[in-house]
Amino acid sequence: MAQRTERADAVRNREAVLAAADALFAASSSPQNVSMDDIAAAAGVGKGTLFRRFGDRAGLIGAVIASRLEPLRQAVQEAQDTAAPSPRQRVLDLLDASLRFKIENRNLMTAAEEAGLGSPYQAEHYGWWHEILRSALEQVPGVRAPDFTAHALLAAIRADLVVYLVDDRKMTAEDLRSALAAHVGDVLAKEA
């Protein structure tokens, strides 16, 4: 069955909604304070367009996250094609990229969890991160349980933990990245 081509105005509306939602979420200290009415008005579309296109608030937040993740996915894929200095460094680079994304998008990632996107472990982006990290861990000598180790390492950078450490505990991004690097070093040293 041939895939239907999306109408040009539908593509423009989708891009306008995603851009408006992204800008409003980024400008707000709490994306929960941004209403669907605010997003529709900023995008120049009717509120019904948002609901037809994205289903609900959770669907819209998920689409914004996916659009923000796409450039990072491409960069990670390109980095995978070039050899990292070592498998351990590749694992650290992957986790560091994910952590930087979560620091920069912590309010949006938290809003996704609060908007009812379900278990973070069932999110499409989590599955992608887990798979790529598990594959990298399989290349690290001595890692006996790459699947579990990938889950455990990703748990160390959950959005709610990042928000707590950065916003409540006032940990700088650099300190958090250094702490993660030390933790990864400890975990991989114990695995060896």
Protein backbone atom coordinates (compact mmCIF):
# COMPACT_ATOMS: atom_id res chain seq x y z
CA MET A 1 0.00 0.00 0.00
CA ALA A 2 1.44 3.36 -1.02
CA GLN A 3 2.01 5.92 1.69
CA ARG A 4 -0.09 9.07 1.29
CA THR A 5 1.82 12.26 0.69
CA GLU A 6 1.01 14.89 3.27
CA ARG A 7 -0.57 18.10 1.96
CA ALA A 8 1.76 21.13 1.90
CA ASP A 9 -0.50 23.13 4.24
CA ALA A 10 -0.61 20.22 6.71
CA VAL A 11 3.20 20.07 6.69
CA ARG A 12 3.40 23.85 7.26
CA ASN A 13 0.86 23.63 10.10
CA ARG A 14 2.75 20.77 11.74
CA GLU A 15 6.04 22.66 11.53
CA ALA A 16 4.40 25.86 12.84
CA VAL A 17 2.87 24.00 15.79
CA LEU A 18 6.13 22.24 16.65
CA ALA A 19 8.10 25.50 16.40
CA ALA A 20 5.55 27.39 18.51
CA ALA A 21 5.35 24.64 21.13
CA ASP A 22 9.13 24.32 21.24
CA ALA A 23 9.57 28.10 21.71
CA LEU A 24 6.85 28.36 24.35
CA PHE A 25 8.09 25.33 26.29
CA ALA A 26 11.67 26.66 26.17
CA ALA A 27 10.60 30.12 27.39
CA SER A 28 8.53 28.75 30.26
CA SER A 29 10.03 27.72 33.57
CA SER A 30 7.41 24.98 33.57
CA PRO A 31 5.99 23.57 30.32
CA GLN A 32 2.87 22.56 32.26
CA ASN A 33 2.00 26.28 32.34
CA VAL A 34 1.82 26.40 28.53
CA SER A 35 -1.70 25.71 27.35
CA MET A 36 -2.84 24.17 24.09
CA ASP A 37 -4.61 27.52 23.44
CA ASP A 38 -1.26 29.34 23.81
CA ILE A 39 0.39 26.98 21.34
CA ALA A 40 -2.45 27.19 18.80
CA ALA A 41 -2.42 31.00 18.94
CA ALA A 42 1.38 31.20 18.57
CA ALA A 43 1.28 28.78 15.63
CA GLY A 44 -1.60 30.59 13.94
CA VAL A 45 -3.80 27.48 13.83
CA GLY A 46 -7.02 26.45 15.47
CA LYS A 47 -6.92 24.43 18.66
CA GLY A 48 -8.68 21.60 16.83
CA THR A 49 -5.69 21.31 14.50
CA LEU A 50 -3.48 20.51 17.49
CA PHE A 51 -5.78 17.77 18.72
CA ARG A 52 -6.31 16.26 15.26
CA ARG A 53 -2.60 16.27 14.54
CA PHE A 54 -1.13 15.26 17.92
CA GLY A 55 -4.06 13.70 19.78
CA ASP A 56 -3.44 15.38 23.12
CA ARG A 57 -0.91 17.35 25.14
CA ALA A 58 1.23 14.26 25.73
CA GLY A 59 1.34 13.57 21.99
CA LEU A 60 2.41 17.14 21.28
CA ILE A 61 5.14 17.04 23.93
CA GLY A 62 6.35 13.73 22.51
CA ALA A 63 6.51 15.25 19.02
CA VAL A 64 8.51 18.24 20.29
CA ILE A 65 10.96 15.91 22.05
CA ALA A 66 11.31 13.84 18.88
CA SER A 67 12.01 16.97 16.81
CA ARG A 68 14.65 18.13 19.30
CA LEU A 69 16.22 14.68 19.37
CA GLU A 70 16.54 14.29 15.59
CA PRO A 71 19.73 16.40 15.18
CA LEU A 72 21.27 14.57 18.15
CA ARG A 73 20.37 11.20 16.64
CA GLN A 74 22.05 12.17 13.41
CA ALA A 75 25.17 13.33 15.26
CA VAL A 76 25.29 10.11 17.28
CA GLN A 77 24.90 8.01 14.13
CA GLU A 78 27.72 9.94 12.45
CA ALA A 79 29.89 9.51 15.55
CA GLN A 80 29.18 5.76 15.48
CA ASP A 81 30.61 5.64 11.98
CA THR A 82 33.91 7.10 13.19
CA ALA A 83 35.92 4.97 15.56
CA ALA A 84 36.02 6.23 19.14
CA PRO A 85 39.37 5.94 20.91
CA SER A 86 38.01 2.93 22.84
CA PRO A 87 34.73 1.12 23.49
CA ARG A 88 34.69 2.59 27.02
CA GLN A 89 35.06 6.10 25.62
CA ARG A 90 32.22 5.44 23.19
CA VAL A 91 29.96 4.46 26.10
CA LEU A 92 30.94 7.61 27.98
CA ASP A 93 30.40 9.78 24.88
CA LEU A 94 26.91 8.33 24.37
CA LEU A 95 25.90 8.90 27.99
CA ASP A 96 27.39 12.38 27.97
CA ALA A 97 25.40 13.29 24.84
CA SER A 98 22.20 12.02 26.46
CA LEU A 99 22.95 13.87 29.70
CA ARG A 100 23.64 17.14 27.88
CA PHE A 101 20.33 16.75 26.02
CA LYS A 102 18.48 16.14 29.29
CA ILE A 103 20.14 19.10 31.02
CA GLU A 104 19.20 21.40 28.15
CA ASN A 105 15.66 19.99 27.90
CA ARG A 106 15.01 19.04 31.52
CA ASN A 107 11.72 20.92 31.87
CA LEU A 108 10.36 19.42 28.67
CA MET A 109 11.50 15.90 29.61
CA THR A 110 9.86 16.26 33.02
CA ALA A 111 6.69 17.60 31.40
CA ALA A 112 6.65 14.51 29.18
CA GLU A 113 6.64 12.26 32.24
CA GLU A 114 3.97 14.38 33.95
CA ALA A 115 1.81 14.59 30.81
CA GLY A 116 1.16 10.90 30.93
CA LEU A 117 3.50 9.63 28.26
CA GLY A 118 3.68 6.50 30.35
CA SER A 119 6.73 4.74 31.60
CA PRO A 120 9.91 6.46 30.45
CA TYR A 121 11.21 2.98 29.65
CA GLN A 122 8.55 2.54 26.98
CA ALA A 123 9.23 5.85 25.24
CA GLU A 124 10.57 5.50 21.71
CA HIS A 125 13.58 7.69 22.47
CA TYR A 126 14.46 5.58 25.52
CA GLY A 127 14.41 2.42 23.41
CA TRP A 128 16.74 4.05 20.91
CA TRP A 129 19.21 5.21 23.61
CA HIS A 130 19.11 1.82 25.31
CA GLU A 131 19.77 -0.08 22.09
CA ILE A 132 22.68 2.08 21.00
CA LEU A 133 24.21 2.04 24.50
CA ARG A 134 23.72 -1.73 24.87
CA SER A 135 25.47 -2.24 21.53
CA ALA A 136 28.38 -0.08 22.68
CA LEU A 137 28.60 -1.95 26.00
CA GLU A 138 28.82 -5.26 24.15
CA GLN A 139 32.15 -4.03 22.77
CA VAL A 140 33.59 -3.21 26.20
CA PRO A 141 35.73 -6.10 27.47
CA GLY A 142 34.43 -7.63 30.69
CA VAL A 143 30.86 -6.29 30.57
CA ARG A 144 28.82 -9.37 31.46
CA ALA A 145 25.31 -7.93 31.31
CA PRO A 146 25.20 -5.20 28.64
CA ASP A 147 21.40 -5.06 28.53
CA PHE A 148 21.01 -4.48 32.28
CA THR A 149 24.09 -2.24 32.45
CA ALA A 150 22.60 0.00 29.74
CA HIS A 151 19.37 0.32 31.75
CA ALA A 152 21.29 1.03 34.96
CA LEU A 153 23.48 3.68 33.35
CA LEU A 154 20.50 5.38 31.72
CA ALA A 155 18.74 5.40 35.11
CA ALA A 156 21.60 7.55 36.40
CA ILE A 157 20.52 10.31 34.00
CA ARG A 158 16.73 10.15 34.29
CA ALA A 159 15.09 13.52 33.66
CA ASP A 160 13.67 13.79 37.18
CA LEU A 161 17.11 13.16 38.69
CA VAL A 162 18.73 15.71 36.36
CA VAL A 163 16.10 18.30 37.34
CA TYR A 164 16.66 17.59 41.04
CA LEU A 165 20.45 17.81 40.80
CA VAL A 166 20.57 20.90 38.56
CA ASP A 167 17.61 22.90 39.84
CA ASP A 168 17.30 21.85 43.49
CA ARG A 169 20.87 20.90 44.39
CA LYS A 170 22.35 23.61 42.09
CA MET A 171 24.85 21.22 40.54
CA THR A 172 26.48 22.75 37.47
CA ALA A 173 26.25 20.98 34.14
CA GLU A 174 30.02 20.45 34.15
CA ASP A 175 29.98 18.98 37.67
CA LEU A 176 27.14 16.66 36.69
CA ARG A 177 28.98 15.56 33.54
CA SER A 178 32.16 14.92 35.59
CA ALA A 179 30.20 12.93 38.17
CA LEU A 180 28.64 10.85 35.39
CA ALA A 181 32.06 10.17 33.85
CA ALA A 182 33.37 9.01 37.23
CA HIS A 183 30.31 6.81 37.75
CA VAL A 184 30.68 5.22 34.32
CA GLY A 185 34.35 4.59 35.07
CA ASP A 186 33.42 2.92 38.37
CA VAL A 187 30.71 0.76 36.79
CA LEU A 188 32.86 -0.38 33.90
CA ALA A 189 35.84 -1.04 36.18
CA LYS A 190 33.64 -3.30 38.34
CA GLU A 191 32.36 -5.09 35.26
CA ALA A 192 35.88 -5.89 34.04
